[in-house]
Amino acid sequence: MPQNTSNNSKNRRSSQPIDNTYGHLQPQAVDIERVVLGALMIDKDAFSLVSDVLKPESFYEPRHQKIYQAVQSLSMEDKPVDLLTVTEELKRQGDIEVVGGVQYIMDLTHHVASSAHIEYHAHILAQKSLMRQLISYTSRVQELAFDDTADPDAVMQEAEGSLFEIAQKNMKSDYTQIDPVLGEAVKILQKAAQNTSGVTGVPTGYDKLDDVTAGWQPSDMVIIAGRPGMGKTAFALSLAKNIAVDYQQPIGFFSLEMSNVQLVNRLISNVCEISGKKIQNGQLSKDEWERLDRNLRKLTGAPIYVDDTPGLSIFELRSKARRLVREKDVKIIMVDYLQLMNASGMRFGNRQEEVSTISRSLKSLAKELNVPILVLSQVNRELEKREGTEGKRPQLSDLRESGAIEQDADMVIFVHRSDYYRIDKDEKGRDLRGKAEIIIAKHRKGSTETVTLRFDADYTRFSNVEDYYATPVTEGGEVIGSRLNGDDEPFGPPPPDDGGF
């Protein structure tokens, strides 16, 4: 008899998978698995207590996975869960013999008196499952790292993507009673009441837009969309200038399309009122050099943090954004633009699924960091085929590649300029030249309206219509010494060979 016990014990040990990398049994709690399954079959309400914690793969023992799967199927179909129904379900699926027969199912219920501690037990199983996933993850990363032919960047992308998937699958948010939330809401309301401007978020710098939005709100994901050439980036940079230069609030700008020098050149054009063409070719007049030096001080030291990493993944963005908020106290993040991002390391059936994942991740990041995230997005070219002034105005259905963008966004804004299509007047004969419509097509916290701004193509700048002629450019004036990049000399053109101007 002892001989048989020893053999049985030996067989049980050998049936347990061993992790070859570390020479240890993987994290497991098979006895607790039996208790949980038994409790599920004696208490009809037990499944609702563990359904958001446990999945079939949470169980280490393969036959326990099948039994839980049967319990899950019955519950999803609103059928009672007990010894008989689970047995019948396993028979129907052809798994009754695989799990050890009817006797094994009966044994599971014999040693369980109640489901009193099932939630606690379920959390133990979930933790063991998570540890197994991490072991598998690290083994895979190690295997890739030992491969001499592997590209380190690709390994990093896959490692980050896999870890993100594990985190997403195991991230749980519990409910909370309303009282502490009410207290927090009242505090926010009291703070807002002390602000006479009515702007409770990050100010946009555009009066009418602030009236509608009360500023960019914490935890919001705002989509700024439009066709190429409409001025999405120009609008984003105008916002960045207003926020960082005029209001001195730190901003993080992720550009996947333009280099940091190109972005800064456009900011210089915006602030110094010098055409982008002249900034590019350097053919500035004396007055423009003076204006450049005089106004460049506004940008020097501005809390704008630019990242121009091409092909940025959502995982890299999350890491960098967290660091910017933690180290630089960034109040708002901008991304230009969504369709150039990727979710490397994760597998998708098509591009639409990938864009949906990116969109959800951006919204999740906004909530996590409690800052607004403004994301530029492309619009389908189908609207180009529509006729007339109204036909060219973008709609929510025009958002490119994924309906999840519209769903996840707290606000969707379209940048639209009729004069881009050589439509100079509207149906009422009003002049549309130099005007841009900021169409708020979705606003989860307020009204949907259209705000008209002035667009200056020379300076790729958006401004309040009423401010457009209020401060004319002053030519000439004294050249003021600049300290940009530590220079002690005024910023100006190189001395020409012929003695200057």
Protein backbone atom coordinates (compact mmCIF):
# COMPACT_ATOMS: atom_id res chain seq x y z
CA MET A 1 0.00 0.00 0.00
CA PRO A 2 2.76 2.55 0.85
CA GLN A 3 4.35 1.52 -2.44
CA ASN A 4 1.18 2.51 -4.35
CA THR A 5 0.87 5.78 -2.43
CA SER A 6 4.44 6.62 -3.33
CA ASN A 7 3.82 5.81 -6.98
CA ASN A 8 0.62 7.84 -7.03
CA SER A 9 2.41 10.71 -5.37
CA LYS A 10 5.20 10.42 -7.90
CA ASN A 11 2.68 10.41 -10.76
CA ARG A 12 0.96 13.50 -9.40
CA ARG A 13 4.25 15.34 -9.17
CA SER A 14 5.31 14.37 -12.64
CA SER A 15 2.00 15.50 -14.09
CA GLN A 16 2.65 19.07 -12.94
CA PRO A 17 4.36 21.20 -15.62
CA ILE A 18 7.75 22.46 -14.58
CA ASP A 19 9.21 25.74 -15.80
CA ASN A 20 12.49 24.63 -17.39
CA THR A 21 14.06 28.08 -17.30
CA TYR A 22 14.08 28.29 -13.53
CA GLY A 23 13.64 24.63 -12.51
CA HIS A 24 10.57 25.46 -10.39
CA LEU A 25 6.90 24.65 -10.47
CA GLN A 26 4.96 27.55 -11.84
CA PRO A 27 2.85 29.56 -9.34
CA GLN A 28 -0.31 27.59 -8.62
CA ALA A 29 -2.96 26.81 -6.02
CA VAL A 30 -4.74 23.69 -7.27
CA ASP A 31 -6.45 22.99 -3.93
CA ILE A 32 -7.97 26.48 -3.96
CA GLU A 33 -9.08 25.92 -7.55
CA ARG A 34 -11.07 22.89 -6.36
CA VAL A 35 -12.64 24.91 -3.54
CA VAL A 36 -13.65 27.72 -5.91
CA LEU A 37 -15.22 25.33 -8.43
CA GLY A 38 -17.06 23.49 -5.67
CA ALA A 39 -18.41 26.79 -4.27
CA LEU A 40 -19.61 27.83 -7.72
CA MET A 41 -21.72 24.68 -7.94
CA ILE A 42 -23.37 24.98 -4.51
CA ASP A 43 -24.20 28.70 -4.59
CA LYS A 44 -26.14 30.09 -7.55
CA ASP A 45 -24.93 33.66 -6.83
CA ALA A 46 -21.26 32.82 -6.47
CA PHE A 47 -20.32 33.29 -10.13
CA SER A 48 -21.31 36.98 -10.08
CA LEU A 49 -18.77 37.53 -7.29
CA VAL A 50 -15.81 36.19 -9.28
CA SER A 51 -16.76 36.65 -12.93
CA ASP A 52 -14.76 39.87 -13.34
CA VAL A 53 -11.71 38.36 -11.59
CA LEU A 54 -11.45 34.86 -13.02
CA LYS A 55 -11.17 33.63 -16.59
CA PRO A 56 -10.72 29.98 -17.67
CA GLU A 57 -6.98 30.60 -18.08
CA SER A 58 -6.82 31.79 -14.45
CA PHE A 59 -6.89 28.09 -13.49
CA TYR A 60 -3.63 26.15 -13.58
CA GLU A 61 -5.12 22.65 -13.90
CA PRO A 62 -6.35 22.11 -17.50
CA ARG A 63 -9.44 20.18 -16.44
CA HIS A 64 -10.35 22.95 -14.02
CA GLN A 65 -10.21 25.37 -16.93
CA LYS A 66 -12.80 23.27 -18.77
CA ILE A 67 -15.07 23.02 -15.72
CA TYR A 68 -14.96 26.78 -15.16
CA GLN A 69 -15.64 27.29 -18.86
CA ALA A 70 -18.80 25.19 -18.46
CA VAL A 71 -19.85 27.29 -15.45
CA GLN A 72 -19.19 30.45 -17.45
CA SER A 73 -21.25 29.22 -20.42
CA LEU A 74 -24.24 28.37 -18.22
CA SER A 75 -24.11 31.74 -16.47
CA MET A 76 -23.88 33.65 -19.74
CA GLU A 77 -27.05 31.87 -20.89
CA ASP A 78 -28.82 32.64 -17.58
CA LYS A 79 -29.05 28.95 -16.74
CA PRO A 80 -28.71 27.63 -13.17
CA VAL A 81 -25.24 26.48 -12.12
CA ASP A 82 -25.14 23.33 -10.01
CA LEU A 83 -23.70 19.83 -10.00
CA LEU A 84 -26.20 18.47 -12.51
CA THR A 85 -26.17 21.36 -14.98
CA VAL A 86 -22.38 21.57 -15.02
CA THR A 87 -22.16 17.82 -15.61
CA GLU A 88 -24.66 18.02 -18.47
CA GLU A 89 -22.84 21.00 -20.01
CA LEU A 90 -19.52 19.14 -19.94
CA LYS A 91 -21.21 16.12 -21.56
CA ARG A 92 -22.64 18.37 -24.24
CA GLN A 93 -19.19 19.80 -24.94
CA GLY A 94 -17.65 16.31 -24.98
CA ASP A 95 -15.33 17.07 -22.05
CA ILE A 96 -16.85 15.03 -19.23
CA GLU A 97 -14.29 12.21 -19.46
CA VAL A 98 -11.42 14.67 -19.99
CA VAL A 99 -12.12 16.34 -16.62
CA GLY A 100 -12.25 13.05 -14.73
CA GLY A 101 -15.85 11.97 -15.14
CA VAL A 102 -18.97 12.60 -13.05
CA GLN A 103 -17.24 11.34 -9.90
CA TYR A 104 -14.63 14.15 -10.05
CA ILE A 105 -17.34 16.79 -10.41
CA MET A 106 -19.14 15.34 -7.37
CA ASP A 107 -15.90 15.29 -5.35
CA LEU A 108 -15.47 19.02 -5.93
CA THR A 109 -18.70 19.79 -4.07
CA HIS A 110 -18.26 17.29 -1.22
CA HIS A 111 -15.60 19.25 0.68
CA VAL A 112 -17.12 22.72 0.36
CA ALA A 113 -19.66 23.88 2.94
CA SER A 114 -20.30 27.40 1.54
CA SER A 115 -19.02 30.09 -0.80
CA ALA A 116 -18.20 32.47 2.08
CA HIS A 117 -14.58 33.10 1.08
CA ILE A 118 -14.85 32.68 -2.68
CA GLU A 119 -13.84 36.28 -3.50
CA TYR A 120 -10.66 36.00 -1.43
CA HIS A 121 -9.86 32.65 -3.02
CA ALA A 122 -10.54 34.03 -6.51
CA HIS A 123 -8.03 36.84 -5.97
CA ILE A 124 -5.38 34.29 -4.99
CA LEU A 125 -5.97 32.39 -8.24
CA ALA A 126 -5.87 35.63 -10.26
CA GLN A 127 -2.53 36.56 -8.68
CA LYS A 128 -1.07 33.13 -9.40
CA SER A 129 -2.26 33.42 -13.00
CA LEU A 130 -0.66 36.86 -13.35
CA MET A 131 2.65 35.52 -12.06
CA ARG A 132 2.52 32.69 -14.62
CA GLN A 133 1.88 35.22 -17.37
CA LEU A 134 4.88 37.27 -16.24
CA ILE A 135 7.09 34.17 -16.19
CA SER A 136 6.01 33.35 -19.73
CA TYR A 137 6.58 36.98 -20.75
CA THR A 138 10.09 37.18 -19.29
CA SER A 139 11.02 33.82 -20.84
CA ARG A 140 9.93 35.10 -24.26
CA VAL A 141 11.88 38.36 -23.83
CA GLN A 142 14.94 36.41 -22.74
CA GLU A 143 14.64 34.12 -25.75
CA LEU A 144 14.46 37.13 -28.10
CA ALA A 145 17.36 38.88 -26.37
CA PHE A 146 19.61 35.83 -26.85
CA ASP A 147 18.86 35.81 -30.59
CA ASP A 148 21.86 37.45 -32.31
CA THR A 149 19.80 38.17 -35.41
CA ALA A 150 17.06 40.06 -33.54
CA ASP A 151 16.76 43.82 -33.86
CA PRO A 152 16.97 45.38 -30.35
CA ASP A 153 14.36 48.00 -31.20
CA ALA A 154 11.96 45.31 -32.41
CA VAL A 155 12.58 43.29 -29.24
CA MET A 156 11.85 46.39 -27.14
CA GLN A 157 8.64 47.03 -29.06
CA GLU A 158 7.43 43.44 -28.68
CA ALA A 159 8.39 43.34 -25.00
CA GLU A 160 6.58 46.58 -24.29
CA GLY A 161 3.53 45.51 -26.28
CA SER A 162 3.28 42.15 -24.51
CA LEU A 163 3.64 43.73 -21.08
CA PHE A 164 0.97 46.28 -21.97
CA GLU A 165 -1.39 43.47 -22.99
CA ILE A 166 -0.81 41.68 -19.68
CA ALA A 167 -1.42 44.91 -17.75
CA GLN A 168 -4.60 45.68 -19.67
CA LYS A 169 -6.02 42.18 -19.15
CA ASN A 170 -5.33 42.25 -15.41
CA MET A 171 -6.28 45.86 -14.70
CA LYS A 172 -9.39 45.98 -12.54
CA SER A 173 -11.28 49.02 -11.28
CA ASP A 174 -13.50 48.53 -8.26
CA TYR A 175 -16.69 50.42 -7.53
CA THR A 176 -16.84 53.20 -4.96
CA GLN A 177 -19.65 54.61 -2.80
CA ILE A 178 -20.84 58.02 -4.00
CA ASP A 179 -20.09 60.12 -0.88
CA PRO A 180 -16.32 60.69 -1.42
CA VAL A 181 -16.98 61.42 -5.10
CA LEU A 182 -19.63 64.00 -4.12
CA GLY A 183 -17.11 65.69 -1.85
CA GLU A 184 -14.54 65.87 -4.63
CA ALA A 185 -17.13 67.25 -7.08
CA VAL A 186 -18.14 70.01 -4.64
CA LYS A 187 -14.49 71.00 -4.11
CA ILE A 188 -14.00 71.32 -7.87
CA LEU A 189 -17.20 73.37 -8.10
CA GLN A 190 -16.10 75.70 -5.30
CA LYS A 191 -12.71 76.19 -6.96
CA ALA A 192 -14.41 76.94 -10.29
CA ALA A 193 -16.68 79.51 -8.60
CA GLN A 194 -13.60 81.49 -7.51
CA ASN A 195 -12.48 81.77 -11.14
CA THR A 196 -14.32 84.77 -12.58
CA SER A 197 -13.15 84.06 -16.14
CA GLY A 198 -15.20 80.87 -16.33
CA VAL A 199 -12.16 78.94 -17.60
CA THR A 200 -11.67 75.91 -15.36
CA GLY A 201 -9.25 73.94 -17.55
CA VAL A 202 -6.19 74.81 -19.61
CA PRO A 203 -7.06 78.05 -21.49
CA THR A 204 -7.09 77.89 -25.29
CA GLY A 205 -6.30 81.55 -25.81
CA TYR A 206 -9.42 81.97 -27.97
CA ASP A 207 -12.21 83.75 -26.12
CA LYS A 208 -15.19 82.17 -27.87
CA LEU A 209 -13.67 78.71 -27.77
CA ASP A 210 -13.04 79.12 -24.04
CA ASP A 211 -16.67 80.19 -23.60
CA VAL A 212 -17.84 76.88 -25.06
CA THR A 213 -15.25 74.54 -23.54
CA ALA A 214 -14.23 76.39 -20.32
CA GLY A 215 -10.70 75.43 -21.41
CA TRP A 216 -9.26 72.00 -22.10
CA GLN A 217 -10.47 69.83 -19.22
CA PRO A 218 -8.37 67.32 -17.21
CA SER A 219 -8.67 63.66 -18.29
CA ASP A 220 -10.33 64.61 -21.60
CA MET A 221 -9.22 63.25 -24.95
CA VAL A 222 -9.86 65.87 -27.63
CA ILE A 223 -9.65 64.94 -31.31
CA ILE A 224 -8.68 67.78 -33.67
CA ALA A 225 -9.45 66.55 -37.17
CA GLY A 226 -9.41 67.86 -40.71
CA ARG A 227 -8.28 67.23 -44.25
CA PRO A 228 -4.61 67.82 -45.18
CA GLY A 229 -3.94 71.51 -45.72
CA MET A 230 -6.71 72.71 -43.39
CA GLY A 231 -4.26 73.82 -40.73
CA LYS A 232 -4.54 71.14 -38.02
CA THR A 233 -0.88 71.45 -37.06
CA ALA A 234 -1.00 75.23 -37.34
CA PHE A 235 -4.01 75.28 -35.01
CA ALA A 236 -2.27 72.94 -32.55
CA LEU A 237 0.89 75.07 -32.59
CA SER A 238 -1.16 78.26 -32.15
CA LEU A 239 -2.76 76.60 -29.12
CA ALA A 240 0.67 75.53 -27.86
CA LYS A 241 1.96 79.11 -28.20
CA ASN A 242 -1.07 80.52 -26.37
CA ILE A 243 -0.83 77.99 -23.55
CA ALA A 244 2.94 77.99 -23.02
CA VAL A 245 3.91 81.55 -23.96
CA ASP A 246 0.86 83.61 -22.95
CA TYR A 247 -0.26 81.54 -19.94
CA GLN A 248 3.09 79.89 -19.03
CA GLN A 249 1.56 76.45 -18.64
CA PRO A 250 3.91 73.57 -19.57
CA ILE A 251 2.96 71.55 -22.65
CA GLY A 252 4.25 68.33 -24.21
CA PHE A 253 4.11 68.18 -28.03
CA PHE A 254 4.68 64.83 -29.78
CA SER A 255 5.22 65.29 -33.50
CA LEU A 256 5.31 62.18 -35.67
CA GLU A 257 5.18 64.14 -38.93
CA MET A 258 7.56 67.10 -38.56
CA SER A 259 11.01 67.47 -37.02
CA ASN A 260 11.47 69.61 -33.93
CA VAL A 261 13.29 72.26 -36.01
CA GLN A 262 10.36 72.46 -38.45
CA LEU A 263 7.95 72.86 -35.55
CA VAL A 264 10.05 75.56 -33.91
CA ASN A 265 10.37 77.39 -37.24
CA ARG A 266 6.59 77.50 -37.45
CA LEU A 267 6.40 78.80 -33.90
CA ILE A 268 8.94 81.50 -34.79
CA SER A 269 6.83 82.48 -37.81
CA ASN A 270 3.74 82.60 -35.58
CA VAL A 271 5.25 84.69 -32.80
CA CYS A 272 7.54 86.94 -34.82
CA GLU A 273 5.08 87.47 -37.70
CA ILE A 274 7.56 86.51 -40.40
CA SER A 275 6.41 84.36 -43.30
CA GLY A 276 7.33 80.69 -43.20
CA LYS A 277 8.96 80.98 -46.62
CA LYS A 278 11.39 83.63 -45.34
CA ILE A 279 12.12 81.62 -42.21
CA GLN A 280 13.05 78.75 -44.51
CA ASN A 281 15.22 80.64 -47.01
CA GLY A 282 16.63 83.18 -44.55
CA GLN A 283 15.90 86.17 -46.82
CA LEU A 284 14.75 88.52 -44.06
CA SER A 285 14.71 92.30 -44.34
CA LYS A 286 16.41 94.45 -41.71
CA ASP A 287 13.04 95.14 -40.08
CA GLU A 288 12.29 91.42 -39.98
CA TRP A 289 15.61 90.61 -38.34
CA GLU A 290 14.85 93.24 -35.73
CA ARG A 291 11.37 91.84 -35.22
CA LEU A 292 12.81 88.34 -34.95
CA ASP A 293 15.23 89.39 -32.23
CA ARG A 294 12.65 91.43 -30.37
CA ASN A 295 9.97 88.71 -30.30
CA LEU A 296 12.19 85.65 -29.96
CA ARG A 297 12.46 86.44 -26.28
CA LYS A 298 8.84 85.31 -25.91
CA LEU A 299 9.77 81.80 -26.99
CA THR A 300 13.06 81.60 -25.12
CA GLY A 301 12.47 79.60 -21.96
CA ALA A 302 8.86 78.78 -22.88
CA PRO A 303 7.75 75.50 -21.21
CA ILE A 304 7.23 73.65 -24.50
CA TYR A 305 8.69 70.14 -24.65
CA VAL A 306 8.90 68.71 -28.17
CA ASP A 307 9.43 65.05 -29.09
CA ASP A 308 9.80 64.28 -32.78
CA THR A 309 10.34 60.50 -32.57
CA PRO A 310 9.14 59.05 -35.90
CA GLY A 311 6.80 56.06 -35.79
CA LEU A 312 6.13 56.60 -32.09
CA SER A 313 4.32 53.68 -30.47
CA ILE A 314 1.54 54.12 -27.95
CA PHE A 315 3.76 52.40 -25.37
CA GLU A 316 6.63 54.85 -25.88
CA LEU A 317 4.18 57.75 -25.70
CA ARG A 318 2.74 56.52 -22.39
CA SER A 319 6.22 56.24 -20.88
CA LYS A 320 7.34 59.67 -22.09
CA ALA A 321 4.07 61.37 -21.16
CA ARG A 322 4.24 60.01 -17.61
CA ARG A 323 7.77 61.35 -17.31
CA LEU A 324 6.80 64.80 -18.65
CA VAL A 325 3.93 65.09 -16.18
CA ARG A 326 6.06 63.85 -13.29
CA GLU A 327 9.24 65.82 -14.01
CA LYS A 328 8.04 68.92 -15.91
CA ASP A 329 4.53 69.26 -14.46
CA VAL A 330 3.11 69.29 -17.99
CA LYS A 331 -0.54 70.40 -17.99
CA ILE A 332 -1.53 69.28 -21.49
CA ILE A 333 -0.23 66.86 -24.14
CA MET A 334 -0.60 67.15 -27.92
CA VAL A 335 -0.04 64.38 -30.48
CA ASP A 336 0.39 65.08 -34.21
CA TYR A 337 -1.06 62.81 -35.42
CA LEU A 338 -2.97 59.62 -34.50
CA GLN A 339 -2.77 57.72 -37.80
CA LEU A 340 1.04 57.82 -37.71
CA MET A 341 1.15 56.03 -34.36
CA ASN A 342 1.41 52.28 -33.95
CA ALA A 343 0.91 49.61 -31.31
CA SER A 344 4.00 47.54 -32.07
CA GLY A 345 4.33 44.27 -30.23
CA MET A 346 0.59 43.55 -30.35
CA ARG A 347 -1.19 41.52 -33.00
CA PHE A 348 -4.20 42.83 -34.90
CA GLY A 349 -6.44 41.51 -37.64
CA ASN A 350 -6.38 44.86 -39.44
CA ARG A 351 -5.31 48.49 -39.12
CA GLN A 352 -8.74 49.50 -37.83
CA GLU A 353 -8.29 47.29 -34.75
CA GLU A 354 -4.86 48.83 -34.14
CA VAL A 355 -6.19 52.40 -34.38
CA SER A 356 -9.00 51.45 -31.98
CA THR A 357 -6.45 50.17 -29.46
CA ILE A 358 -4.37 53.35 -29.81
CA SER A 359 -7.48 55.50 -29.34
CA ARG A 360 -8.56 53.64 -26.20
CA SER A 361 -5.03 53.80 -24.81
CA LEU A 362 -4.85 57.57 -25.31
CA LYS A 363 -8.14 58.04 -23.47
CA SER A 364 -6.91 55.75 -20.69
CA LEU A 365 -3.67 57.76 -20.47
CA ALA A 366 -5.59 61.05 -20.19
CA LYS A 367 -7.55 59.62 -17.26
CA GLU A 368 -4.45 58.18 -15.62
CA LEU A 369 -2.42 61.42 -15.83
CA ASN A 370 -5.48 63.66 -15.29
CA VAL A 371 -4.42 66.01 -18.08
CA PRO A 372 -6.13 66.80 -21.39
CA ILE A 373 -4.66 65.05 -24.42
CA LEU A 374 -5.23 66.73 -27.79
CA VAL A 375 -4.82 64.31 -30.68
CA LEU A 376 -4.72 65.38 -34.32
CA SER A 377 -6.45 63.04 -36.75
CA GLN A 378 -7.02 62.70 -40.48
CA VAL A 379 -10.44 62.88 -42.15
CA ASN A 380 -11.54 60.56 -44.96
CA ARG A 381 -11.12 61.91 -48.47
CA GLU A 382 -14.73 60.99 -49.26
CA LEU A 383 -15.87 64.49 -48.29
CA GLU A 384 -13.84 65.87 -51.23
CA LYS A 385 -16.48 64.33 -53.51
CA ARG A 386 -19.33 66.23 -51.85
CA GLU A 387 -20.51 69.43 -53.48
CA GLY A 388 -21.10 72.94 -52.12
CA THR A 389 -20.10 74.84 -49.00
CA GLU A 390 -22.05 72.58 -46.67
CA GLY A 391 -20.92 69.42 -48.45
CA LYS A 392 -17.28 70.16 -47.71
CA ARG A 393 -17.90 70.60 -43.99
CA PRO A 394 -16.60 67.49 -42.19
CA GLN A 395 -18.85 65.26 -40.09
CA LEU A 396 -18.19 62.69 -37.39
CA SER A 397 -18.67 59.90 -39.93
CA ASP A 398 -15.68 61.30 -41.85
CA LEU A 399 -13.18 60.38 -39.13
CA ARG A 400 -10.61 58.11 -40.68
CA GLU A 401 -9.99 54.40 -39.99
CA SER A 402 -12.00 53.78 -36.83
CA GLY A 403 -15.35 54.52 -35.24
CA ALA A 404 -13.61 54.01 -31.90
CA ILE A 405 -12.04 57.47 -32.26
CA GLU A 406 -15.47 59.12 -32.14
CA GLN A 407 -16.56 56.81 -29.33
CA ASP A 408 -13.51 57.34 -27.10
CA ALA A 409 -13.18 61.11 -27.57
CA ASP A 410 -14.69 63.51 -25.07
CA MET A 411 -14.63 66.18 -27.74
CA VAL A 412 -14.23 66.09 -31.52
CA ILE A 413 -13.23 69.32 -33.25
CA PHE A 414 -12.93 69.82 -36.99
CA VAL A 415 -10.74 72.53 -38.50
CA HIS A 416 -12.43 73.72 -41.70
CA ARG A 417 -11.58 76.53 -44.14
CA SER A 418 -13.97 77.05 -47.02
CA ASP A 419 -11.52 79.25 -48.93
CA TYR A 420 -9.24 76.19 -49.20
CA TYR A 421 -11.80 74.91 -51.72
CA ARG A 422 -11.95 78.38 -53.36
CA ILE A 423 -15.36 78.97 -51.81
CA ASP A 424 -15.07 82.67 -50.94
CA LYS A 425 -18.66 83.37 -49.89
CA ASP A 426 -21.33 81.43 -48.03
CA GLU A 427 -24.99 81.10 -49.04
CA LYS A 428 -25.75 84.48 -47.43
CA GLY A 429 -22.97 86.22 -49.30
CA ARG A 430 -20.67 86.60 -46.28
CA ASP A 431 -16.93 86.75 -46.97
CA LEU A 432 -15.17 83.50 -46.02
CA ARG A 433 -11.63 84.46 -47.05
CA GLY A 434 -9.08 84.15 -44.25
CA LYS A 435 -11.62 82.63 -41.90
CA ALA A 436 -11.53 79.22 -40.27
CA GLU A 437 -14.34 77.32 -38.61
CA ILE A 438 -13.57 75.37 -35.47
CA ILE A 439 -16.49 72.95 -35.57
CA ILE A 440 -17.20 71.27 -32.21
CA ALA A 441 -19.02 68.19 -33.51
CA LYS A 442 -18.99 66.22 -30.26
CA HIS A 443 -18.81 67.63 -26.75
CA ARG A 444 -19.47 65.21 -23.93
CA LYS A 445 -19.56 67.97 -21.31
CA GLY A 446 -21.24 70.79 -23.20
CA SER A 447 -22.79 72.13 -26.36
CA THR A 448 -21.74 71.57 -29.96
CA GLU A 449 -21.05 74.90 -31.62
CA THR A 450 -18.93 76.46 -34.33
CA VAL A 451 -16.33 79.10 -33.45
CA THR A 452 -14.94 81.35 -36.17
CA LEU A 453 -11.24 82.27 -36.02
CA ARG A 454 -8.97 84.22 -38.32
CA PHE A 455 -6.34 82.22 -40.22
CA ASP A 456 -3.22 83.91 -41.47
CA ALA A 457 -1.58 81.63 -44.04
CA ASP A 458 1.70 83.62 -44.12
CA TYR A 459 2.32 83.02 -40.44
CA THR A 460 0.32 79.74 -40.22
CA ARG A 461 -1.43 81.31 -37.27
CA PHE A 462 -4.95 81.26 -35.88
CA SER A 463 -6.22 84.27 -33.94
CA ASN A 464 -9.41 85.73 -32.52
CA VAL A 465 -11.29 87.57 -35.27
CA GLU A 466 -11.59 90.71 -33.11
CA ASP A 467 -7.85 90.69 -32.35
CA TYR A 468 -6.74 90.40 -35.96
CA TYR A 469 -6.38 94.12 -36.66
CA ALA A 470 -5.97 95.21 -33.05
CA THR A 471 -2.16 95.01 -32.91
CA PRO A 472 -0.54 95.94 -36.23
CA VAL A 473 3.05 94.89 -36.84
CA THR A 474 5.49 97.68 -36.00
CA GLU A 475 8.35 97.88 -38.44
CA GLY A 476 11.84 99.01 -37.48
CA GLY A 477 12.90 99.86 -33.93
CA GLU A 478 15.96 99.22 -31.85
CA VAL A 479 17.67 95.84 -32.06
CA ILE A 480 17.51 94.33 -28.57
CA GLY A 481 20.22 91.91 -27.49
CA SER A 482 19.04 88.30 -27.31
CA ARG A 483 20.33 85.57 -24.99
CA LEU A 484 19.03 82.69 -27.10
CA ASN A 485 21.35 79.69 -26.67
CA GLY A 486 23.65 81.77 -24.48
CA ASP A 487 24.50 84.37 -27.16
CA ASP A 488 25.69 87.72 -25.89
CA GLU A 489 25.24 89.38 -29.28
CA PRO A 490 21.94 90.56 -30.82
CA PHE A 491 20.37 87.94 -33.09
CA GLY A 492 20.71 89.14 -36.67
CA PRO A 493 21.93 88.33 -40.15
CA PRO A 494 25.56 87.45 -40.77
CA PRO A 495 27.58 90.53 -41.81
CA PRO A 496 27.67 90.66 -45.64
CA ASP A 497 30.87 91.22 -47.59
CA ASP A 498 29.65 94.49 -49.12
CA GLY A 499 29.38 96.32 -45.77
CA GLY A 500 25.80 95.53 -44.81
CA PHE A 501 22.43 97.08 -45.61
